[in-house]
């Protein structure tokens, strides 16, 4: 196993104390500064980074200097992020008001916007939550909630007794729709998952079984998913709807953003919440896993471990250079590391929110880096992302 461990320069301020810039005046924060912290031009992967601060209505693209070079002003707050399609358009989820109360990370309105912000496509499902992806064939797949039937709810194991939602227990579904909004494929936890096999973490509530937070379509039509409340990542067979690969292990620590790499390995942000190393060995991890035996073949850990720690949200992206872009969502921090764990680019979002549930925070759910010559950017921005 390769073990990358590096001093976390962007978090030194958590130890040394706070200073406040103009963007964060009168805001409580752990970082000693916001904006660009570190940029090693000789080792960083040139490109443009997109992120949408939770609670904000503005999507930002920044260059390697941390300067905003493009924005979209959305019709509502995120549910929970946006990313660029190969045609350069923005695919985003916007939070709607309609849904059961007490369920976290909802969206509801999926939209595709062009570079100038014109809405080209939209689809409404107020029960959509967390994640959504555009398939190469133009279809869109997303996660949604539905109330489990009583028979299925009785099969749910684990969790804190008496913490069910007032409606019962909600479960997840997957739905794939074509560009006209017609449903072409579905998967339902209530009927397609072995509920008893995957108990909820004993420290979690029982409002949901089991809080899916990632959907990652695979080229063959299968779907990789992550369920936070039972430390489960798995691949769903498109034809049988059964799991063809899985890893259910509390070492994942209520993980986020599972994905398959080009080498066939699985990359995941292991948040560390309720994980076996929490306590004296705090912090989050990035794991690269070989699905042949579920062994961790590479990982990133902060040095010391608590200097990289986001117990919820967050994401990761393996870049074409072999470096890894990490979104430490709890702190609004986006940074790039080498395979050896050296931090070569480091940025902290200066966008703090005033309204609940994000009051005082600069949270970022996910972030992505695109090369200047990538299809997503393709001449829309300066070919030199350092300018």
Protein backbone atom coordinates (compact mmCIF):
# COMPACT_ATOMS: atom_id res chain seq x y z
CA UNK A 1 0.00 0.00 0.00
CA UNK A 2 1.26 3.47 -0.91
CA UNK A 3 0.79 5.90 1.94
CA UNK A 4 0.86 9.63 1.17
CA UNK A 5 1.18 11.92 4.15
CA UNK A 6 2.02 15.60 3.94
CA UNK A 7 1.95 18.79 5.99
CA UNK A 8 -1.33 20.55 5.35
CA UNK A 9 -0.21 24.14 4.73
CA UNK A 10 -3.71 25.52 4.32
CA UNK A 11 -4.64 24.40 7.82
CA UNK A 12 -1.65 25.79 9.70
CA UNK A 13 -3.89 28.71 10.56
CA UNK A 14 -6.08 26.37 12.57
CA UNK A 15 -3.13 26.07 14.92
CA UNK A 16 -1.69 29.58 14.74
CA UNK A 17 -4.91 31.53 14.99
CA UNK A 18 -7.18 33.68 12.83
CA UNK A 19 -6.78 36.77 10.71
CA UNK A 20 -9.69 38.21 8.80
CA UNK A 21 -9.68 39.42 5.22
CA UNK A 22 -12.24 41.74 3.67
CA UNK A 23 -14.31 38.81 2.34
CA UNK A 24 -14.59 37.25 5.79
CA UNK A 25 -14.85 40.29 8.02
CA UNK A 26 -16.67 39.44 11.25
CA UNK A 27 -16.86 35.75 10.30
CA UNK A 28 -15.65 33.05 12.67
CA UNK A 29 -13.15 30.82 10.91
CA UNK A 30 -10.33 28.38 11.54
CA UNK A 31 -8.27 29.29 8.48
CA UNK A 32 -5.69 32.00 8.83
CA UNK A 33 -6.63 33.31 5.37
CA UNK A 34 -8.97 32.61 2.46
CA UNK A 35 -8.44 32.57 -1.28
CA UNK A 36 -5.25 31.13 -2.75
CA UNK A 37 -2.91 29.69 -0.13
CA UNK A 38 -0.37 27.74 -2.18
CA UNK A 39 0.44 27.39 -5.88
CA UNK A 40 3.46 25.40 -7.07
CA UNK A 41 3.41 26.06 -10.81
CA UNK A 42 6.01 23.40 -11.52
CA UNK A 43 3.92 20.57 -10.03
CA UNK A 44 0.29 21.70 -9.97
CA UNK A 45 -2.08 20.62 -12.75
CA UNK A 46 -3.03 23.72 -14.80
CA UNK A 47 -6.71 24.30 -15.26
CA UNK A 48 -9.88 25.94 -14.04
CA UNK A 49 -11.75 24.89 -10.90
CA UNK A 50 -15.52 25.03 -10.50
CA UNK A 51 -17.39 25.10 -7.19
CA UNK A 52 -20.74 26.27 -5.81
CA UNK A 53 -20.69 27.35 -2.14
CA UNK A 54 -23.55 25.81 -0.18
CA UNK A 55 -26.14 28.47 0.61
CA UNK A 56 -25.05 30.70 -2.25
CA UNK A 57 -26.79 31.29 -5.58
CA UNK A 58 -23.57 31.81 -7.55
CA UNK A 59 -21.43 29.15 -9.22
CA UNK A 60 -17.78 30.17 -9.58
CA UNK A 61 -14.93 29.17 -11.87
CA UNK A 62 -11.49 30.24 -10.65
CA UNK A 63 -8.10 30.12 -12.33
CA UNK A 64 -4.88 28.81 -10.81
CA UNK A 65 -4.37 32.16 -9.07
CA UNK A 66 -7.72 31.83 -7.31
CA UNK A 67 -9.24 34.62 -9.41
CA UNK A 68 -12.89 34.25 -10.45
CA UNK A 69 -13.01 34.14 -14.25
CA UNK A 70 -16.63 33.08 -14.82
CA UNK A 71 -19.86 32.84 -12.84
CA UNK A 72 -23.43 31.66 -13.18
CA UNK A 73 -26.14 33.33 -11.11
CA UNK A 74 -28.68 30.65 -10.34
CA UNK A 75 -32.38 30.89 -9.50
CA UNK A 76 -31.90 29.31 -6.07
CA UNK A 77 -29.39 27.70 -3.69
CA UNK A 78 -27.54 24.51 -4.61
CA UNK A 79 -28.75 21.05 -4.11
CA UNK A 80 -25.75 20.44 -3.78
CA UNK A 81 -23.37 21.27 -6.64
CA UNK A 82 -22.90 21.87 -10.37
CA UNK A 83 -20.40 20.63 -12.92
CA UNK A 84 -19.50 21.15 -16.57
CA UNK A 85 -20.61 18.84 -19.35
CA UNK A 86 -18.32 18.04 -22.30
CA UNK A 87 -20.29 20.54 -24.40
CA UNK A 88 -19.36 23.32 -21.97
CA UNK A 89 -22.83 23.63 -20.48
CA UNK A 90 -23.48 23.61 -16.75
CA UNK A 91 -25.50 20.80 -15.17
CA UNK A 92 -26.82 21.78 -11.76
CA UNK A 93 -29.31 20.88 -9.05
CA UNK A 94 -31.23 23.67 -7.36
CA UNK A 95 -32.94 23.26 -4.00
CA UNK A 96 -36.73 23.49 -4.08
CA UNK A 97 -39.01 23.95 -1.10
CA UNK A 98 -41.31 20.98 -1.65
CA UNK A 99 -40.34 17.76 0.19
CA UNK A 100 -40.63 16.12 3.59
CA UNK A 101 -38.98 18.12 6.37
CA UNK A 102 -35.88 16.86 8.12
CA UNK A 103 -34.18 15.22 5.13
CA UNK A 104 -30.76 16.68 4.35
CA UNK A 105 -29.14 17.65 1.04
CA UNK A 106 -32.17 17.87 -1.22
CA UNK A 107 -32.25 19.32 -4.70
CA UNK A 108 -35.46 19.10 -6.70
CA UNK A 109 -34.79 21.10 -9.86
CA UNK A 110 -32.21 19.82 -12.36
CA UNK A 111 -31.11 22.33 -14.97
CA UNK A 112 -28.70 22.51 -17.89
CA UNK A 113 -27.50 26.05 -18.65
CA UNK A 114 -25.28 27.34 -21.43
CA UNK A 115 -22.15 29.41 -20.81
CA UNK A 116 -24.21 32.61 -20.66
CA UNK A 117 -26.73 31.24 -18.18
CA UNK A 118 -29.63 30.46 -20.49
CA UNK A 119 -31.63 27.43 -19.30
CA UNK A 120 -31.61 24.81 -22.06
CA UNK A 121 -33.17 21.88 -20.19
CA UNK A 122 -34.79 21.26 -16.84
CA UNK A 123 -36.47 18.47 -14.94
CA UNK A 124 -38.33 18.67 -11.64
CA UNK A 125 -38.53 15.96 -9.00
CA UNK A 126 -38.82 17.51 -5.55
CA UNK A 127 -37.59 14.24 -4.01
CA UNK A 128 -34.24 14.35 -5.84
CA UNK A 129 -31.32 14.62 -3.45
CA UNK A 130 -27.53 14.72 -3.30
CA UNK A 131 -26.33 13.56 -6.70
CA UNK A 132 -27.15 13.52 -10.41
CA UNK A 133 -25.12 12.73 -13.55
CA UNK A 134 -25.51 13.07 -17.29
CA UNK A 135 -24.85 9.87 -19.23
CA UNK A 136 -23.04 10.01 -22.60
CA UNK A 137 -26.32 9.13 -24.37
CA UNK A 138 -27.94 12.32 -23.03
CA UNK A 139 -29.95 10.66 -20.27
CA UNK A 140 -29.75 11.95 -16.72
CA UNK A 141 -29.62 9.70 -13.65
CA UNK A 142 -30.27 10.91 -10.11
CA UNK A 143 -30.92 9.81 -6.53
CA UNK A 144 -34.29 10.37 -4.88
CA UNK A 145 -36.16 9.64 -1.66
CA UNK A 146 -39.34 7.64 -1.21
CA UNK A 147 -41.09 6.42 1.92
CA UNK A 148 -40.41 2.75 2.52
CA UNK A 149 -43.50 0.55 2.70
CA UNK A 150 -44.12 -0.76 6.23
CA UNK A 151 -42.94 -4.25 5.26
CA UNK A 152 -39.62 -2.89 3.99
CA UNK A 153 -39.25 -0.51 6.93
CA UNK A 154 -39.56 -3.42 9.37
CA UNK A 155 -36.50 -4.99 7.74
CA UNK A 156 -34.25 -2.02 8.55
CA UNK A 157 -31.68 -2.94 11.19
CA UNK A 158 -29.44 -0.75 13.36
CA UNK A 159 -29.53 2.95 14.12
CA UNK A 160 -30.73 4.69 17.26
CA UNK A 161 -34.08 3.32 18.36
CA UNK A 162 -36.93 5.79 18.23
CA UNK A 163 -35.30 8.19 15.75
CA UNK A 164 -37.44 7.37 12.73
CA UNK A 165 -38.89 10.22 10.66
CA UNK A 166 -42.42 11.21 11.66
CA UNK A 167 -43.55 9.67 8.36
CA UNK A 168 -41.65 6.39 8.88
CA UNK A 169 -38.34 5.50 7.24
CA UNK A 170 -37.34 6.93 3.90
CA UNK A 171 -35.37 4.90 1.37
CA UNK A 172 -33.49 5.78 -1.80
CA UNK A 173 -34.30 5.24 -5.42
CA UNK A 174 -32.38 5.79 -8.64
CA UNK A 175 -34.12 7.12 -11.71
CA UNK A 176 -32.76 7.61 -15.21
CA UNK A 177 -34.69 9.93 -17.52
CA UNK A 178 -34.22 10.74 -21.21
CA UNK A 179 -33.96 14.33 -22.51
CA UNK A 180 -37.77 14.48 -22.74
CA UNK A 181 -38.12 13.50 -19.08
CA UNK A 182 -39.35 9.97 -19.68
CA UNK A 183 -38.20 7.37 -17.16
CA UNK A 184 -36.08 4.68 -18.86
CA UNK A 185 -34.66 2.84 -15.82
CA UNK A 186 -35.20 2.70 -12.07
CA UNK A 187 -33.78 1.04 -8.97
CA UNK A 188 -35.45 1.03 -5.54
CA UNK A 189 -33.92 0.12 -2.19
CA UNK A 190 -37.34 -1.11 -1.03
CA UNK A 191 -37.44 -3.88 -3.64
CA UNK A 192 -33.94 -4.26 -5.06
CA UNK A 193 -31.66 -4.19 -1.99
CA UNK A 194 -31.04 -6.80 0.72
CA UNK A 195 -32.04 -4.41 3.49
CA UNK A 196 -31.24 -6.73 6.41
CA UNK A 197 -27.68 -7.27 5.18
CA UNK A 198 -26.70 -3.62 5.66
CA UNK A 199 -27.62 -2.32 9.13
CA UNK A 200 -27.48 1.39 9.83
CA UNK A 201 -24.50 2.57 11.89
CA UNK A 202 -25.54 2.31 15.57
CA UNK A 203 -24.73 6.00 16.09
CA UNK A 204 -27.02 7.22 13.28
CA UNK A 205 -30.71 7.98 13.27
CA UNK A 206 -33.28 5.86 11.46
CA UNK A 207 -34.93 8.56 9.35
CA UNK A 208 -33.36 7.07 6.25
CA UNK A 209 -32.12 3.81 4.88
CA UNK A 210 -29.40 4.58 4.16
CA UNK A 211 -28.65 8.14 2.95
CA UNK A 212 -27.20 7.66 -0.54
CA UNK A 213 -24.90 10.51 -1.50
CA UNK A 214 -23.25 9.46 -4.79
CA UNK A 215 -24.35 8.06 -8.12
CA UNK A 216 -21.53 7.34 -10.59
CA UNK A 217 -22.56 5.82 -13.94
CA UNK A 218 -20.14 3.32 -15.48
CA UNK A 219 -19.51 2.94 -19.22
CA UNK A 220 -21.26 -0.46 -19.38
CA UNK A 221 -24.50 0.95 -17.94
CA UNK A 222 -23.93 -0.20 -14.37
CA UNK A 223 -24.02 2.34 -11.55
CA UNK A 224 -21.65 2.83 -8.63
CA UNK A 225 -23.17 4.25 -5.45
CA UNK A 226 -22.33 5.32 -1.91
CA UNK A 227 -24.60 5.02 1.16
CA UNK A 228 -23.35 7.05 4.09
CA UNK A 229 -25.24 5.54 7.02
CA UNK A 230 -23.92 2.01 6.63
CA UNK A 231 -20.41 2.66 5.24
CA UNK A 232 -21.41 0.98 1.99
CA UNK A 233 -20.14 1.46 -1.56
CA UNK A 234 -21.37 -0.84 -4.32
CA UNK A 235 -21.92 -1.33 -8.04
CA UNK A 236 -25.47 -2.03 -9.21
CA UNK A 237 -25.89 -4.34 -12.20
CA UNK A 238 -28.10 -2.51 -14.67
CA UNK A 239 -29.84 -5.69 -15.82
CA UNK A 240 -30.36 -7.63 -12.59
CA UNK A 241 -30.37 -4.57 -10.26
CA UNK A 242 -28.33 -6.62 -7.77
CA UNK A 243 -24.94 -5.65 -6.37
CA UNK A 244 -22.12 -7.10 -8.49
CA UNK A 245 -19.41 -5.55 -6.28
CA UNK A 246 -19.54 -4.09 -2.80
CA UNK A 247 -17.47 -2.92 0.13
CA UNK A 248 -19.25 -2.41 3.44
CA UNK A 249 -16.65 -1.42 6.02
CA UNK A 250 -16.64 1.20 8.75
CA UNK A 251 -13.10 2.16 7.69
CA UNK A 252 -14.89 4.23 5.05
CA UNK A 253 -16.23 6.50 7.79
CA UNK A 254 -19.56 7.59 6.24
CA UNK A 255 -17.87 8.22 2.90
CA UNK A 256 -18.71 10.44 -0.08
CA UNK A 257 -17.96 10.71 -3.81
CA UNK A 258 -17.12 7.11 -4.75
CA UNK A 259 -15.96 6.68 -8.36
CA UNK A 260 -14.12 4.28 -10.62
CA UNK A 261 -10.75 5.31 -12.07
CA UNK A 262 -9.44 4.46 -15.53
CA UNK A 263 -7.18 1.80 -13.98
CA UNK A 264 -10.23 0.00 -12.58
CA UNK A 265 -9.57 1.05 -9.01
CA UNK A 266 -12.13 2.80 -6.80
CA UNK A 267 -11.48 6.29 -5.42
CA UNK A 268 -13.46 7.54 -2.43
CA UNK A 269 -13.48 10.34 0.14
CA UNK A 270 -13.50 8.53 3.50
CA UNK A 271 -14.87 11.21 5.81
CA UNK A 272 -13.77 9.46 9.00
CA UNK A 273 -17.02 10.03 10.87
CA UNK A 274 -17.55 7.06 13.26
CA UNK A 275 -14.51 5.40 11.66
CA UNK A 276 -12.12 3.13 13.61
CA UNK A 277 -9.29 5.64 13.54
CA UNK A 278 -11.30 8.51 15.01
CA UNK A 279 -10.12 9.66 18.42
CA UNK A 280 -6.34 9.91 18.77
CA UNK A 281 -5.96 9.40 14.99
CA UNK A 282 -8.57 11.88 13.81
CA UNK A 283 -9.05 13.15 10.30
CA UNK A 284 -10.42 12.14 6.93
CA UNK A 285 -8.74 9.94 4.32
CA UNK A 286 -8.67 9.54 0.57
CA UNK A 287 -8.61 5.86 -0.37
CA UNK A 288 -7.78 4.22 -3.68
CA UNK A 289 -9.14 0.67 -3.48
CA UNK A 290 -8.52 -2.35 -5.67
CA UNK A 291 -11.99 -3.91 -6.08
CA UNK A 292 -10.49 -7.33 -6.77
CA UNK A 293 -9.79 -7.78 -3.06
CA UNK A 294 -11.02 -4.46 -1.54
CA UNK A 295 -7.50 -3.63 -0.42
CA UNK A 296 -6.41 -0.02 -0.05
CA UNK A 297 -3.50 0.50 -2.47
CA UNK A 298 -3.00 4.24 -1.87
CA UNK A 299 -4.24 6.75 0.65
CA UNK A 300 -3.83 10.35 1.67
CA UNK A 301 -3.79 11.47 5.30
CA UNK A 302 -3.09 14.91 6.77
CA UNK A 303 0.05 15.44 8.82
CA UNK A 304 -0.89 15.44 11.64
CA UNK A 305 -4.12 13.64 10.74
CA UNK A 306 -6.51 16.21 12.22
CA UNK A 307 -5.26 18.87 9.78
CA UNK A 308 -7.32 17.17 7.04
CA UNK A 309 -10.77 16.51 8.44
CA UNK A 310 -14.27 16.87 6.99
CA UNK A 311 -16.80 14.65 8.68
CA UNK A 312 -19.50 15.34 6.08
CA UNK A 313 -19.99 16.41 2.42
CA UNK A 314 -16.65 16.62 0.43
CA UNK A 315 -15.25 15.12 -2.76
CA UNK A 316 -12.20 14.00 -4.70
CA UNK A 317 -11.02 13.97 -8.33
CA UNK A 318 -8.07 12.15 -9.87
CA UNK A 319 -6.50 14.53 -12.39
CA UNK A 320 -4.92 13.57 -15.72
CA UNK A 321 -1.47 14.40 -14.31
CA UNK A 322 -1.84 11.73 -11.63
CA UNK A 323 -2.32 14.35 -8.95
CA UNK A 324 -5.52 14.40 -6.88
CA UNK A 325 -7.86 17.33 -6.30
CA UNK A 326 -9.58 17.20 -2.90
CA UNK A 327 -12.59 19.17 -1.70
CA UNK A 328 -12.44 19.33 2.10
CA UNK A 329 -16.03 20.48 2.16
CA UNK A 330 -16.50 21.31 5.82
CA UNK A 331 -13.90 24.07 5.61
CA UNK A 332 -14.56 25.22 2.03
CA UNK A 333 -11.07 24.09 1.14
CA UNK A 334 -9.98 22.79 -2.27
CA UNK A 335 -6.43 21.51 -2.66
CA UNK A 336 -4.27 19.43 -4.97
CA UNK A 337 -1.73 16.82 -3.92
CA UNK A 338 0.89 14.75 -5.73
CA UNK A 339 0.89 10.94 -5.47
CA UNK A 340 3.44 11.37 -2.67
CA UNK A 341 1.05 13.63 -0.76
CA UNK A 342 2.76 16.97 -1.35
CA UNK A 343 0.33 19.89 -1.46
CA UNK A 344 0.95 21.83 -4.68
CA UNK A 345 -2.19 23.99 -4.86
CA UNK A 346 -4.39 25.13 -2.01
CA UNK A 347 -7.45 27.39 -1.95
CA UNK A 348 -10.02 28.27 0.72
CA UNK A 349 -13.43 29.62 -0.33
CA UNK A 350 -14.01 33.18 0.91
CA UNK A 351 -17.78 32.83 0.52
CA UNK A 352 -19.30 32.58 4.00
CA UNK A 353 -23.07 32.39 4.38
CA UNK A 354 -25.38 34.30 6.68
CA UNK A 355 -28.50 32.15 6.50
CA UNK A 356 -29.31 28.74 8.04
CA UNK A 357 -28.49 25.92 7.73
CA UNK A 358 -25.09 27.22 6.59
CA UNK A 359 -24.78 30.23 8.89
CA UNK A 360 -21.15 31.17 9.42
CA UNK A 361 -19.86 28.43 7.14
CA UNK A 362 -18.10 28.38 3.76
CA UNK A 363 -19.07 24.78 2.96
CA UNK A 364 -18.44 23.32 -0.51
CA UNK A 365 -20.01 19.98 -1.47
CA UNK A 366 -17.70 19.18 -4.41
CA UNK A 367 -15.24 20.84 -6.80
CA UNK A 368 -13.84 19.90 -10.19
CA UNK A 369 -10.75 20.94 -12.20
CA UNK A 370 -10.85 21.23 -16.01
CA UNK A 371 -7.87 21.80 -18.28
CA UNK A 372 -7.86 24.90 -20.46
CA UNK A 373 -7.89 22.66 -23.55
CA UNK A 374 -10.57 20.31 -22.21
CA UNK A 375 -13.92 19.97 -24.01
CA UNK A 376 -15.59 21.58 -20.99
CA UNK A 377 -13.55 24.80 -21.37
CA UNK A 378 -12.57 24.59 -25.07
CA UNK A 379 -11.49 28.17 -25.69
CA UNK A 380 -14.10 29.78 -23.45
CA UNK A 381 -11.41 30.99 -21.07
CA UNK A 382 -7.80 32.14 -21.38
CA UNK A 383 -5.55 29.28 -22.57
CA UNK A 384 -3.19 30.20 -19.72
CA UNK A 385 -5.03 29.50 -16.44
CA UNK A 386 -2.30 31.37 -14.52
CA UNK A 387 -3.25 34.71 -16.07
